[in-house]
Amino acid sequence: MIKNWLAAGALALTAGMTASTAAHAQATTIPGEQVGLAAGAPLPEGVYAVDTFIYRRPDAPFGADTAINVPFVIWASPYKILGARIEPLIAAPTVFAFTRNPAGTANRDISINVGPLLASVFAWDLGNGFGVSYLAGAHLNDALADRGSLVGAGGGTPVLPQLSSNTYRQGFAASYTGDGYNLTANLTHNFYDSPGRFSGPVGRAIGPLVIADALLLDLTATKKFGKFEIGAVGYGVTDLSLSGRDALRAASQGYTKTGRFALGGLIGYDFGPFTAQLVVARDVASRATYVTAGGRVRENDSTDGFFRIVAPLYAAAAAAPPPAPLVRKY
């Protein structure tokens, strides 16, 4: 059994895929990808495999649904630095888009491999069920991501501009995991080598792309009842403001600031060899919009579904209790 949910897992992409440059999400970490995880709590020593699958459907009748699969492995090592358990991890996310064009308009499903994430969590046990952690890592998009673009009359359209640069990430989390609770707040910062560039002839046609930094907040409040876990989650993302020449260049590329916040519920079950979680959430605020057939501008809220499996691959043996003292009566 896993006493604490895995800390600060792998990254995935925000569902910002469109066929135009009108408003691309700039975060590489997907909003809500870490809800349900006790990101601030040190893991028991061992090796854990996790897979999180996320499906997002926006309200706009035409456009694209998106899905992200995030497999990762994390090693809760026996080593510590400044009192923090060192927990290196590696992840290899994949993004999918499923277009929903009207009859007579071609539909095309696509998939994109994100650069693998190499990172480490440093987690402190503060006692009495409290813990804090810091995560540092990077997606190696420059070398190992699918960095193509949709080819069109203008030379090309970037599907995910944030893949034109490595994604650097830091995260700060705090958790309370006493008495079967998981109360966690997790703040994540994505930043880039901006402006980024795609390679090849399409990349040269597109030119340099300004990428805004992003800030994400994941919130979890759950309680375990035997093998069941039930509770609420909330998560959001916002681009950080651009200024000066970057702001002017981004505006010329059709970029507009993006952001959303969603609320939902979580249910989990401990099957013994593995633990599963389901999350369903709905936007309560969003900067994304779409135009209806009647010409009205409406908020393009989304509904998300998450499915996660957590499986320990190896667990360190529990320390043997000290031998009882030998008492002799003379």
C-alpha atoms as a PDB file:
ATOM      1  CA  MET A   1       0.000   0.000   0.000  1.00  0.00           C
ATOM      2  CA  ILE A   2       1.121   3.539  -0.694  1.00  0.00           C
ATOM      3  CA  LYS A   3       0.851   5.778   2.347  1.00  0.00           C
ATOM      4  CA  ASN A   4       1.299   9.018   0.453  1.00  0.00           C
ATOM      5  CA  TRP A   5       0.369   9.962  -3.092  1.00  0.00           C
ATOM      6  CA  LEU A   6       3.319  10.463  -5.372  1.00  0.00           C
ATOM      7  CA  ALA A   7       5.123  13.759  -5.229  1.00  0.00           C
ATOM      8  CA  ALA A   8       5.013  16.235  -8.040  1.00  0.00           C
ATOM      9  CA  GLY A   9       4.905  13.893 -11.012  1.00  0.00           C
ATOM     10  CA  ALA A  10       5.648  14.413 -14.633  1.00  0.00           C
ATOM     11  CA  LEU A  11       4.699  17.289 -16.822  1.00  0.00           C
ATOM     12  CA  ALA A  12       2.234  17.363 -19.692  1.00  0.00           C
ATOM     13  CA  LEU A  13       0.961  19.998 -22.056  1.00  0.00           C
ATOM     14  CA  THR A  14      -1.839  22.456 -21.625  1.00  0.00           C
ATOM     15  CA  ALA A  15      -4.650  21.784 -24.044  1.00  0.00           C
ATOM     16  CA  GLY A  16      -3.934  24.825 -26.169  1.00  0.00           C
ATOM     17  CA  MET A  17      -3.953  23.172 -29.567  1.00  0.00           C
ATOM     18  CA  THR A  18      -5.627  25.061 -32.361  1.00  0.00           C
ATOM     19  CA  ALA A  19      -5.047  25.389 -36.065  1.00  0.00           C
ATOM     20  CA  SER A  20      -4.245  29.079 -35.849  1.00  0.00           C
ATOM     21  CA  THR A  21      -1.949  31.322 -33.858  1.00  0.00           C
ATOM     22  CA  ALA A  22      -4.825  33.286 -32.357  1.00  0.00           C
ATOM     23  CA  ALA A  23      -4.359  32.186 -28.747  1.00  0.00           C
ATOM     24  CA  HIS A  24      -1.868  29.504 -27.795  1.00  0.00           C
ATOM     25  CA  ALA A  25      -1.521  28.355 -24.235  1.00  0.00           C
ATOM     26  CA  GLN A  26       2.032  28.963 -23.117  1.00  0.00           C
ATOM     27  CA  ALA A  27       2.386  26.442 -20.264  1.00  0.00           C
ATOM     28  CA  THR A  28       3.972  23.037 -20.804  1.00  0.00           C
ATOM     29  CA  THR A  29       2.685  21.684 -17.505  1.00  0.00           C
ATOM     30  CA  ILE A  30      -0.988  20.848 -17.907  1.00  0.00           C
ATOM     31  CA  PRO A  31      -3.326  22.512 -15.413  1.00  0.00           C
ATOM     32  CA  GLY A  32      -4.432  19.965 -12.822  1.00  0.00           C
ATOM     33  CA  GLU A  33      -1.916  17.292 -13.803  1.00  0.00           C
ATOM     34  CA  GLN A  34      -0.806  17.032 -10.162  1.00  0.00           C
ATOM     35  CA  VAL A  35      -4.134  17.139  -8.330  1.00  0.00           C
ATOM     36  CA  GLY A  36      -4.593  14.101  -6.127  1.00  0.00           C
ATOM     37  CA  LEU A  37      -0.854  13.849  -5.447  1.00  0.00           C
ATOM     38  CA  ALA A  38       0.592  14.709  -2.043  1.00  0.00           C
ATOM     39  CA  ALA A  39       3.307  16.716  -3.735  1.00  0.00           C
ATOM     40  CA  GLY A  40       4.797  18.067  -0.524  1.00  0.00           C
ATOM     41  CA  ALA A  41       5.158  14.712   1.263  1.00  0.00           C
ATOM     42  CA  PRO A  42       8.320  12.606   0.982  1.00  0.00           C
ATOM     43  CA  LEU A  43       7.644   9.187  -0.537  1.00  0.00           C
ATOM     44  CA  PRO A  44       8.540   5.993   1.307  1.00  0.00           C
ATOM     45  CA  GLU A  45      11.855   4.710  -0.030  1.00  0.00           C
ATOM     46  CA  GLY A  46      11.321   2.787  -3.291  1.00  0.00           C
ATOM     47  CA  VAL A  47      10.603   3.038  -7.018  1.00  0.00           C
ATOM     48  CA  TYR A  48       7.138   3.980  -8.315  1.00  0.00           C
ATOM     49  CA  ALA A  49       5.548   3.960 -11.767  1.00  0.00           C
ATOM     50  CA  VAL A  50       2.694   6.335 -12.524  1.00  0.00           C
ATOM     51  CA  ASP A  51       0.546   6.877 -15.593  1.00  0.00           C
ATOM     52  CA  THR A  52      -1.906   9.773 -15.843  1.00  0.00           C
ATOM     53  CA  PHE A  53      -4.279  10.091 -18.804  1.00  0.00           C
ATOM     54  CA  ILE A  54      -6.160  13.367 -19.237  1.00  0.00           C
ATOM     55  CA  TYR A  55      -8.927  14.157 -21.739  1.00  0.00           C
ATOM     56  CA  ARG A  56     -10.207  17.704 -22.291  1.00  0.00           C
ATOM     57  CA  ARG A  57     -13.292  18.764 -24.247  1.00  0.00           C
ATOM     58  CA  PRO A  58     -14.034  22.476 -24.805  1.00  0.00           C
ATOM     59  CA  ASP A  59     -17.549  23.853 -25.239  1.00  0.00           C
ATOM     60  CA  ALA A  60     -16.917  25.221 -28.744  1.00  0.00           C
ATOM     61  CA  PRO A  61     -18.873  23.001 -31.183  1.00  0.00           C
ATOM     62  CA  PHE A  62     -15.963  22.881 -33.618  1.00  0.00           C
ATOM     63  CA  GLY A  63     -12.265  22.773 -32.888  1.00  0.00           C
ATOM     64  CA  ALA A  64     -10.339  20.009 -31.139  1.00  0.00           C
ATOM     65  CA  ASP A  65     -10.498  17.775 -28.111  1.00  0.00           C
ATOM     66  CA  THR A  66      -7.125  17.091 -26.545  1.00  0.00           C
ATOM     67  CA  ALA A  67      -5.656  14.219 -24.555  1.00  0.00           C
ATOM     68  CA  ILE A  68      -2.370  13.849 -22.731  1.00  0.00           C
ATOM     69  CA  ASN A  69      -0.721  10.654 -21.517  1.00  0.00           C
ATOM     70  CA  VAL A  70       1.964  11.113 -18.878  1.00  0.00           C
ATOM     71  CA  PRO A  71       3.947   8.008 -17.879  1.00  0.00           C
ATOM     72  CA  PHE A  72       6.763   8.543 -15.409  1.00  0.00           C
ATOM     73  CA  VAL A  73       8.993   6.730 -12.960  1.00  0.00           C
ATOM     74  CA  ILE A  74      10.201   8.245  -9.693  1.00  0.00           C
ATOM     75  CA  TRP A  75      12.846   6.891  -7.337  1.00  0.00           C
ATOM     76  CA  ALA A  76      12.459   7.802  -3.678  1.00  0.00           C
ATOM     77  CA  SER A  77      16.110   7.313  -2.872  1.00  0.00           C
ATOM     78  CA  PRO A  78      17.630   6.687   0.563  1.00  0.00           C
ATOM     79  CA  TYR A  79      19.791   9.778   0.105  1.00  0.00           C
ATOM     80  CA  LYS A  80      19.142  13.171   1.624  1.00  0.00           C
ATOM     81  CA  ILE A  81      20.491  16.684   1.247  1.00  0.00           C
ATOM     82  CA  LEU A  82      19.876  19.304   3.921  1.00  0.00           C
ATOM     83  CA  GLY A  83      17.304  16.919   5.402  1.00  0.00           C
ATOM     84  CA  ALA A  84      15.330  16.519   2.142  1.00  0.00           C
ATOM     85  CA  ARG A  85      14.813  13.119   0.516  1.00  0.00           C
ATOM     86  CA  ILE A  86      16.173  13.149  -3.062  1.00  0.00           C
ATOM     87  CA  GLU A  87      13.595  11.789  -5.532  1.00  0.00           C
ATOM     88  CA  PRO A  88      14.777  11.862  -9.194  1.00  0.00           C
ATOM     89  CA  LEU A  89      12.191  11.213 -11.913  1.00  0.00           C
ATOM     90  CA  ILE A  90      11.910  10.799 -15.674  1.00  0.00           C
ATOM     91  CA  ALA A  91       8.769  11.251 -17.776  1.00  0.00           C
ATOM     92  CA  ALA A  92       7.817  11.006 -21.452  1.00  0.00           C
ATOM     93  CA  PRO A  93       4.480  12.776 -22.135  1.00  0.00           C
ATOM     94  CA  THR A  94       2.526  12.506 -25.381  1.00  0.00           C
ATOM     95  CA  VAL A  95      -0.182  14.920 -26.566  1.00  0.00           C
ATOM     96  CA  PHE A  96      -3.084  14.029 -28.876  1.00  0.00           C
ATOM     97  CA  ALA A  97      -5.580  16.274 -30.687  1.00  0.00           C
ATOM     98  CA  PHE A  98      -8.899  15.087 -32.135  1.00  0.00           C
ATOM     99  CA  THR A  99     -10.538  17.633 -34.417  1.00  0.00           C
ATOM    100  CA  ARG A 100     -14.321  18.130 -34.504  1.00  0.00           C
ATOM    101  CA  ASN A 101     -14.902  19.931 -37.784  1.00  0.00           C
ATOM    102  CA  PRO A 102     -18.366  20.101 -39.375  1.00  0.00           C
ATOM    103  CA  ALA A 103     -19.374  17.861 -42.263  1.00  0.00           C
ATOM    104  CA  GLY A 104     -17.515  18.697 -45.446  1.00  0.00           C
ATOM    105  CA  THR A 105     -14.426  19.915 -43.612  1.00  0.00           C
ATOM    106  CA  ALA A 106     -11.452  17.591 -43.323  1.00  0.00           C
ATOM    107  CA  ASN A 107     -10.581  16.270 -39.873  1.00  0.00           C
ATOM    108  CA  ARG A 108      -7.096  15.301 -38.856  1.00  0.00           C
ATOM    109  CA  ASP A 109      -5.982  13.679 -35.613  1.00  0.00           C
ATOM    110  CA  ILE A 110      -2.402  14.321 -34.552  1.00  0.00           C
ATOM    111  CA  SER A 111       0.001  13.296 -31.792  1.00  0.00           C
ATOM    112  CA  ILE A 112       3.118  15.056 -30.517  1.00  0.00           C
ATOM    113  CA  ASN A 113       5.887  13.700 -28.289  1.00  0.00           C
ATOM    114  CA  VAL A 114       6.985  16.216 -25.698  1.00  0.00           C
ATOM    115  CA  GLY A 115      10.679  16.324 -24.793  1.00  0.00           C
ATOM    116  CA  PRO A 116      11.347  13.953 -21.888  1.00  0.00           C
ATOM    117  CA  LEU A 117      11.358  15.516 -18.463  1.00  0.00           C
ATOM    118  CA  LEU A 118      14.431  15.052 -16.305  1.00  0.00           C
ATOM    119  CA  ALA A 119      13.836  16.367 -12.800  1.00  0.00           C
ATOM    120  CA  SER A 120      14.207  15.763  -9.110  1.00  0.00           C
ATOM    121  CA  VAL A 121      12.014  16.396  -6.110  1.00  0.00           C
ATOM    122  CA  PHE A 122      13.578  17.423  -2.797  1.00  0.00           C
ATOM    123  CA  ALA A 123      11.058  16.611  -0.058  1.00  0.00           C
ATOM    124  CA  TRP A 124      11.211  17.478   3.657  1.00  0.00           C
ATOM    125  CA  ASP A 125       9.219  15.684   6.358  1.00  0.00           C
ATOM    126  CA  LEU A 126       8.326  18.350   8.921  1.00  0.00           C
ATOM    127  CA  GLY A 127       6.611  15.902  11.263  1.00  0.00           C
ATOM    128  CA  ASN A 128       2.994  15.553  12.439  1.00  0.00           C
ATOM    129  CA  GLY A 129       1.844  14.820   8.857  1.00  0.00           C
ATOM    130  CA  PHE A 130       3.265  17.993   7.310  1.00  0.00           C
ATOM    131  CA  GLY A 131       5.737  18.091   4.445  1.00  0.00           C
ATOM    132  CA  VAL A 132       7.118  20.521   1.877  1.00  0.00           C
ATOM    133  CA  SER A 133       8.987  19.957  -1.378  1.00  0.00           C
ATOM    134  CA  TYR A 134      10.840  21.679  -4.180  1.00  0.00           C
ATOM    135  CA  LEU A 135      10.986  20.322  -7.741  1.00  0.00           C
ATOM    136  CA  ALA A 136      13.545  21.370 -10.370  1.00  0.00           C
ATOM    137  CA  GLY A 137      13.817  20.010 -13.891  1.00  0.00           C
ATOM    138  CA  ALA A 138      13.558  20.556 -17.629  1.00  0.00           C
ATOM    139  CA  HIS A 139      11.804  19.155 -20.705  1.00  0.00           C
ATOM    140  CA  LEU A 140      14.454  18.596 -23.379  1.00  0.00           C
ATOM    141  CA  ASN A 141      12.321  19.960 -26.219  1.00  0.00           C
ATOM    142  CA  ASP A 142      15.259  21.382 -28.186  1.00  0.00           C
ATOM    143  CA  ALA A 143      16.788  17.946 -28.725  1.00  0.00           C
ATOM    144  CA  LEU A 144      14.117  15.298 -28.344  1.00  0.00           C
ATOM    145  CA  ALA A 145      10.576  16.658 -28.863  1.00  0.00           C
ATOM    146  CA  ASP A 146       8.450  16.393 -32.025  1.00  0.00           C
ATOM    147  CA  ARG A 147       9.044  19.959 -33.154  1.00  0.00           C
ATOM    148  CA  GLY A 148       7.054  20.054 -36.381  1.00  0.00           C
ATOM    149  CA  SER A 149       4.304  22.467 -37.404  1.00  0.00           C
ATOM    150  CA  LEU A 150       1.249  22.343 -39.595  1.00  0.00           C
ATOM    151  CA  VAL A 151       2.368  23.331 -43.102  1.00  0.00           C
ATOM    152  CA  GLY A 152       0.143  25.897 -44.808  1.00  0.00           C
ATOM    153  CA  ALA A 153       0.122  28.729 -47.274  1.00  0.00           C
ATOM    154  CA  GLY A 154       2.046  30.954 -44.906  1.00  0.00           C
ATOM    155  CA  GLY A 155       4.845  28.421 -44.551  1.00  0.00           C
ATOM    156  CA  GLY A 156       3.681  26.825 -41.305  1.00  0.00           C
ATOM    157  CA  THR A 157       1.662  27.233 -38.119  1.00  0.00           C
ATOM    158  CA  PRO A 158       3.137  26.169 -34.765  1.00  0.00           C
ATOM    159  CA  VAL A 159       0.891  23.680 -33.000  1.00  0.00           C
ATOM    160  CA  LEU A 160       2.570  24.128 -29.616  1.00  0.00           C
ATOM    161  CA  PRO A 161       4.866  27.176 -29.582  1.00  0.00           C
ATOM    162  CA  GLN A 162       6.237  26.230 -26.159  1.00  0.00           C
ATOM    163  CA  LEU A 163       8.045  23.275 -27.770  1.00  0.00           C
ATOM    164  CA  SER A 164      10.242  25.721 -29.697  1.00  0.00           C
ATOM    165  CA  SER A 165      12.322  25.945 -26.501  1.00  0.00           C
ATOM    166  CA  ASN A 166      13.327  23.717 -23.643  1.00  0.00           C
ATOM    167  CA  THR A 167      10.836  24.046 -20.785  1.00  0.00           C
ATOM    168  CA  TYR A 168      12.412  24.769 -17.415  1.00  0.00           C
ATOM    169  CA  ARG A 169      10.337  24.102 -14.369  1.00  0.00           C
ATOM    170  CA  GLN A 170      10.358  24.702 -10.662  1.00  0.00           C
ATOM    171  CA  GLY A 171       7.637  23.764  -8.218  1.00  0.00           C
ATOM    172  CA  PHE A 172       6.841  24.456  -4.575  1.00  0.00           C
ATOM    173  CA  ALA A 173       4.411  22.211  -2.676  1.00  0.00           C
ATOM    174  CA  ALA A 174       3.087  21.801   0.859  1.00  0.00           C
ATOM    175  CA  SER A 175       1.042  18.829   2.080  1.00  0.00           C
ATOM    176  CA  TYR A 176      -0.731  17.553   5.159  1.00  0.00           C
ATOM    177  CA  THR A 177      -1.221  13.769   5.045  1.00  0.00           C
ATOM    178  CA  GLY A 178      -2.173  12.945   8.635  1.00  0.00           C
ATOM    179  CA  ASP A 179      -5.340  11.052   9.622  1.00  0.00           C
ATOM    180  CA  GLY A 180      -5.986   9.881   6.047  1.00  0.00           C
ATOM    181  CA  TYR A 181      -6.180  13.407   4.637  1.00  0.00           C
ATOM    182  CA  ASN A 182      -4.391  14.799   1.611  1.00  0.00           C
ATOM    183  CA  LEU A 183      -4.450  18.580   1.810  1.00  0.00           C
ATOM    184  CA  THR A 184      -1.997  19.894  -0.778  1.00  0.00           C
ATOM    185  CA  ALA A 185      -1.197  23.166  -2.502  1.00  0.00           C
ATOM    186  CA  ASN A 186       1.257  23.023  -5.398  1.00  0.00           C
ATOM    187  CA  LEU A 187       2.622  26.065  -7.253  1.00  0.00           C
ATOM    188  CA  THR A 188       4.479  25.465 -10.545  1.00  0.00           C
ATOM    189  CA  HIS A 189       6.495  27.908 -12.652  1.00  0.00           C
ATOM    190  CA  ASN A 190       7.332  27.217 -16.338  1.00  0.00           C
ATOM    191  CA  PHE A 191       9.933  29.380 -18.077  1.00  0.00           C
ATOM    192  CA  TYR A 192      11.697  29.232 -21.446  1.00  0.00           C
ATOM    193  CA  ASP A 193      14.567  30.373 -23.664  1.00  0.00           C
ATOM    194  CA  SER A 194      12.381  33.008 -25.302  1.00  0.00           C
ATOM    195  CA  PRO A 195      12.177  33.676 -28.178  1.00  0.00           C
ATOM    196  CA  GLY A 196      12.127  30.025 -29.218  1.00  0.00           C
ATOM    197  CA  ARG A 197      12.807  28.636 -32.687  1.00  0.00           C
ATOM    198  CA  PHE A 198      11.685  25.579 -34.609  1.00  0.00           C
ATOM    199  CA  SER A 199      14.210  23.871 -36.845  1.00  0.00           C
ATOM    200  CA  GLY A 200      14.053  23.203 -40.597  1.00  0.00           C
ATOM    201  CA  PRO A 201      12.430  25.173 -43.433  1.00  0.00           C
ATOM    202  CA  VAL A 202       9.083  25.522 -41.644  1.00  0.00           C
ATOM    203  CA  GLY A 203      10.833  26.843 -38.558  1.00  0.00           C
ATOM    204  CA  ARG A 204      12.694  29.400 -40.647  1.00  0.00           C
ATOM    205  CA  ALA A 205       9.420  30.476 -42.259  1.00  0.00           C
ATOM    206  CA  ILE A 206       7.781  30.916 -38.846  1.00  0.00           C
ATOM    207  CA  GLY A 207      10.719  32.752 -37.321  1.00  0.00           C
ATOM    208  CA  PRO A 208      11.357  33.347 -33.604  1.00  0.00           C
ATOM    209  CA  LEU A 209       8.394  32.846 -31.262  1.00  0.00           C
ATOM    210  CA  VAL A 210       7.925  34.758 -28.018  1.00  0.00           C
ATOM    211  CA  ILE A 211       6.894  32.393 -25.210  1.00  0.00           C
ATOM    212  CA  ALA A 212       5.325  33.789 -22.041  1.00  0.00           C
ATOM    213  CA  ASP A 213       6.243  32.207 -18.716  1.00  0.00           C
ATOM    214  CA  ALA A 214       3.374  30.448 -16.951  1.00  0.00           C
ATOM    215  CA  LEU A 215       2.236  29.964 -13.360  1.00  0.00           C
ATOM    216  CA  LEU A 216       0.031  27.034 -12.296  1.00  0.00           C
ATOM    217  CA  LEU A 217      -1.736  26.208  -9.029  1.00  0.00           C
ATOM    218  CA  ASP A 218      -3.034  22.727  -8.135  1.00  0.00           C
ATOM    219  CA  LEU A 219      -5.166  22.220  -5.003  1.00  0.00           C
ATOM    220  CA  THR A 220      -6.248  18.920  -3.426  1.00  0.00           C
ATOM    221  CA  ALA A 221      -8.483  18.186  -0.413  1.00  0.00           C
ATOM    222  CA  THR A 222      -9.308  14.481  -0.015  1.00  0.00           C
ATOM    223  CA  LYS A 223      -9.952  11.977   2.779  1.00  0.00           C
ATOM    224  CA  LYS A 224      -9.420   8.210   2.842  1.00  0.00           C
ATOM    225  CA  PHE A 225     -12.149   5.903   4.145  1.00  0.00           C
ATOM    226  CA  GLY A 226     -10.615   2.457   4.230  1.00  0.00           C
ATOM    227  CA  LYS A 227      -9.489   1.712   0.687  1.00  0.00           C
ATOM    228  CA  PHE A 228     -11.538   4.590  -0.791  1.00  0.00           C
ATOM    229  CA  GLU A 229     -10.408   8.186  -1.239  1.00  0.00           C
ATOM    230  CA  ILE A 230     -12.916  10.981  -1.886  1.00  0.00           C
ATOM    231  CA  GLY A 231     -12.557  14.721  -2.124  1.00  0.00           C
ATOM    232  CA  ALA A 232     -12.384  17.919  -4.153  1.00  0.00           C
ATOM    233  CA  VAL A 233      -9.768  19.452  -6.437  1.00  0.00           C
ATOM    234  CA  GLY A 234      -9.149  22.835  -8.012  1.00  0.00           C
ATOM    235  CA  TYR A 235      -6.543  23.990 -10.496  1.00  0.00           C
ATOM    236  CA  GLY A 236      -5.661  26.893 -12.722  1.00  0.00           C
ATOM    237  CA  VAL A 237      -3.051  28.425 -15.003  1.00  0.00           C
ATOM    238  CA  THR A 238      -2.169  31.896 -16.196  1.00  0.00           C
ATOM    239  CA  ASP A 239       0.460  33.315 -18.505  1.00  0.00           C
ATOM    240  CA  LEU A 240       2.754  35.837 -16.878  1.00  0.00           C
ATOM    241  CA  SER A 241       2.788  39.281 -18.439  1.00  0.00           C
ATOM    242  CA  LEU A 242       5.144  40.192 -21.266  1.00  0.00           C
ATOM    243  CA  SER A 243       6.649  43.650 -21.577  1.00  0.00           C
ATOM    244  CA  GLY A 244       8.557  45.846 -24.008  1.00  0.00           C
ATOM    245  CA  ARG A 245       9.770  44.334 -27.270  1.00  0.00           C
ATOM    246  CA  ASP A 246       8.548  40.842 -26.321  1.00  0.00           C
ATOM    247  CA  ALA A 247       4.985  42.102 -25.875  1.00  0.00           C
ATOM    248  CA  LEU A 248       5.008  43.860 -29.262  1.00  0.00           C
ATOM    249  CA  ARG A 249       6.456  40.828 -31.042  1.00  0.00           C
ATOM    250  CA  ALA A 250       3.958  38.457 -29.366  1.00  0.00           C
ATOM    251  CA  ALA A 251       1.033  40.688 -30.382  1.00  0.00           C
ATOM    252  CA  SER A 252       2.254  40.682 -33.987  1.00  0.00           C
ATOM    253  CA  GLN A 253       2.221  36.878 -33.882  1.00  0.00           C
ATOM    254  CA  GLY A 254      -1.432  36.825 -32.789  1.00  0.00           C
ATOM    255  CA  TYR A 255      -0.720  35.843 -29.198  1.00  0.00           C
ATOM    256  CA  THR A 256      -3.257  36.736 -26.509  1.00  0.00           C
ATOM    257  CA  LYS A 257      -2.916  36.039 -22.789  1.00  0.00           C
ATOM    258  CA  THR A 258      -4.508  32.766 -21.705  1.00  0.00           C
ATOM    259  CA  GLY A 259      -5.706  31.313 -18.417  1.00  0.00           C
ATOM    260  CA  ARG A 260      -8.358  29.153 -16.783  1.00  0.00           C
ATOM    261  CA  PHE A 261      -9.463  27.792 -13.412  1.00  0.00           C
ATOM    262  CA  ALA A 262     -11.439  24.589 -12.832  1.00  0.00           C
ATOM    263  CA  LEU A 263     -13.124  22.828  -9.909  1.00  0.00           C
ATOM    264  CA  GLY A 264     -14.027  19.168  -9.630  1.00  0.00           C
ATOM    265  CA  GLY A 265     -14.156  15.966  -7.609  1.00  0.00           C
ATOM    266  CA  LEU A 266     -11.847  13.005  -7.085  1.00  0.00           C
ATOM    267  CA  ILE A 267     -12.471   9.374  -6.183  1.00  0.00           C
ATOM    268  CA  GLY A 268      -9.733   6.803  -5.649  1.00  0.00           C
ATOM    269  CA  TYR A 269      -9.388   3.170  -4.620  1.00  0.00           C
ATOM    270  CA  ASP A 270      -6.456   1.166  -3.287  1.00  0.00           C
ATOM    271  CA  PHE A 271      -6.430  -2.210  -5.080  1.00  0.00           C
ATOM    272  CA  GLY A 272      -3.327  -3.397  -3.226  1.00  0.00           C
ATOM    273  CA  PRO A 273      -0.791  -3.860  -6.064  1.00  0.00           C
ATOM    274  CA  PHE A 274      -1.773  -0.455  -7.428  1.00  0.00           C
ATOM    275  CA  THR A 275      -3.959   2.539  -6.667  1.00  0.00           C
ATOM    276  CA  ALA A 276      -6.342   4.227  -9.130  1.00  0.00           C
ATOM    277  CA  GLN A 277      -7.844   7.724  -9.184  1.00  0.00           C
ATOM    278  CA  LEU A 278     -10.595   9.341 -11.248  1.00  0.00           C
ATOM    279  CA  VAL A 279     -11.082  13.110 -11.521  1.00  0.00           C
ATOM    280  CA  VAL A 280     -13.782  15.081 -13.332  1.00  0.00           C
ATOM    281  CA  ALA A 281     -13.540  18.879 -13.364  1.00  0.00           C
ATOM    282  CA  ARG A 282     -15.149  21.847 -15.102  1.00  0.00           C
ATOM    283  CA  ASP A 283     -13.887  25.362 -15.812  1.00  0.00           C
ATOM    284  CA  VAL A 284     -15.405  28.054 -13.623  1.00  0.00           C
ATOM    285  CA  ALA A 285     -13.381  30.828 -15.296  1.00  0.00           C
ATOM    286  CA  SER A 286     -11.571  31.002 -18.631  1.00  0.00           C
ATOM    287  CA  ARG A 287     -10.017  33.603 -20.930  1.00  0.00           C
ATOM    288  CA  ALA A 288     -10.704  31.411 -23.977  1.00  0.00           C
ATOM    289  CA  THR A 289     -13.675  32.420 -26.133  1.00  0.00           C
ATOM    290  CA  TYR A 290     -15.455  31.312 -29.299  1.00  0.00           C
ATOM    291  CA  VAL A 291     -18.029  32.836 -31.635  1.00  0.00           C
ATOM    292  CA  THR A 292     -21.400  31.091 -31.993  1.00  0.00           C
ATOM    293  CA  ALA A 293     -23.244  30.623 -35.292  1.00  0.00           C
ATOM    294  CA  GLY A 294     -25.342  33.649 -34.303  1.00  0.00           C
ATOM    295  CA  GLY A 295     -22.257  35.836 -33.917  1.00  0.00           C
ATOM    296  CA  ARG A 296     -22.189  35.905 -30.102  1.00  0.00           C
ATOM    297  CA  VAL A 297     -18.859  35.680 -28.246  1.00  0.00           C
ATOM    298  CA  ARG A 298     -18.998  33.103 -25.478  1.00  0.00           C
ATOM    299  CA  GLU A 299     -16.525  31.791 -22.908  1.00  0.00           C
ATOM    300  CA  ASN A 300     -15.010  28.540 -24.151  1.00  0.00           C
ATOM    301  CA  ASP A 301     -15.088  26.545 -20.916  1.00  0.00           C
ATOM    302  CA  SER A 302     -13.776  22.979 -20.855  1.00  0.00           C
ATOM    303  CA  THR A 303     -14.586  19.732 -19.077  1.00  0.00           C
ATOM    304  CA  ASP A 304     -11.646  17.528 -18.048  1.00  0.00           C
ATOM    305  CA  GLY A 305     -11.450  13.848 -17.146  1.00  0.00           C
ATOM    306  CA  PHE A 306      -8.383  12.309 -15.456  1.00  0.00           C
ATOM    307  CA  PHE A 307      -7.491   8.656 -14.902  1.00  0.00           C
ATOM    308  CA  ARG A 308      -4.354   7.748 -12.944  1.00  0.00           C
ATOM    309  CA  ILE A 309      -2.661   4.522 -11.864  1.00  0.00           C
ATOM    310  CA  VAL A 310       0.110   4.436  -9.243  1.00  0.00           C
ATOM    311  CA  ALA A 311       2.092   1.209  -8.850  1.00  0.00           C
ATOM    312  CA  PRO A 312       5.120   0.591  -6.621  1.00  0.00           C
ATOM    313  CA  LEU A 313       7.813  -1.309  -8.535  1.00  0.00           C
ATOM    314  CA  TYR A 314      10.093  -1.697  -5.542  1.00  0.00           C
ATOM    315  CA  ALA A 315       9.768  -0.901  -1.859  1.00  0.00           C
ATOM    316  CA  ALA A 316      12.643  -0.887   0.603  1.00  0.00           C
ATOM    317  CA  ALA A 317      12.371  -3.436   3.365  1.00  0.00           C
ATOM    318  CA  ALA A 318      11.221  -2.038   6.661  1.00  0.00           C
ATOM    319  CA  ALA A 319      13.953  -1.675   9.223  1.00  0.00           C
ATOM    320  CA  ALA A 320      14.114  -4.570  11.650  1.00  0.00           C
ATOM    321  CA  PRO A 321      13.145  -3.682  15.226  1.00  0.00           C
ATOM    322  CA  PRO A 322      16.041  -3.586  17.681  1.00  0.00           C
ATOM    323  CA  PRO A 323      16.487  -6.849  19.598  1.00  0.00           C
ATOM    324  CA  ALA A 324      14.932  -7.019  23.036  1.00  0.00           C
ATOM    325  CA  PRO A 325      17.491  -6.708  25.836  1.00  0.00           C
ATOM    326  CA  LEU A 326      18.524  -9.963  27.425  1.00  0.00           C
ATOM    327  CA  VAL A 327      17.582  -9.968  31.102  1.00  0.00           C
ATOM    328  CA  ARG A 328      19.053 -12.541  33.414  1.00  0.00           C
ATOM    329  CA  LYS A 329      17.930 -13.164  36.905  1.00  0.00           C
ATOM    330  CA  TYR A 330      20.600 -14.168  39.359  1.00  0.00           C
END
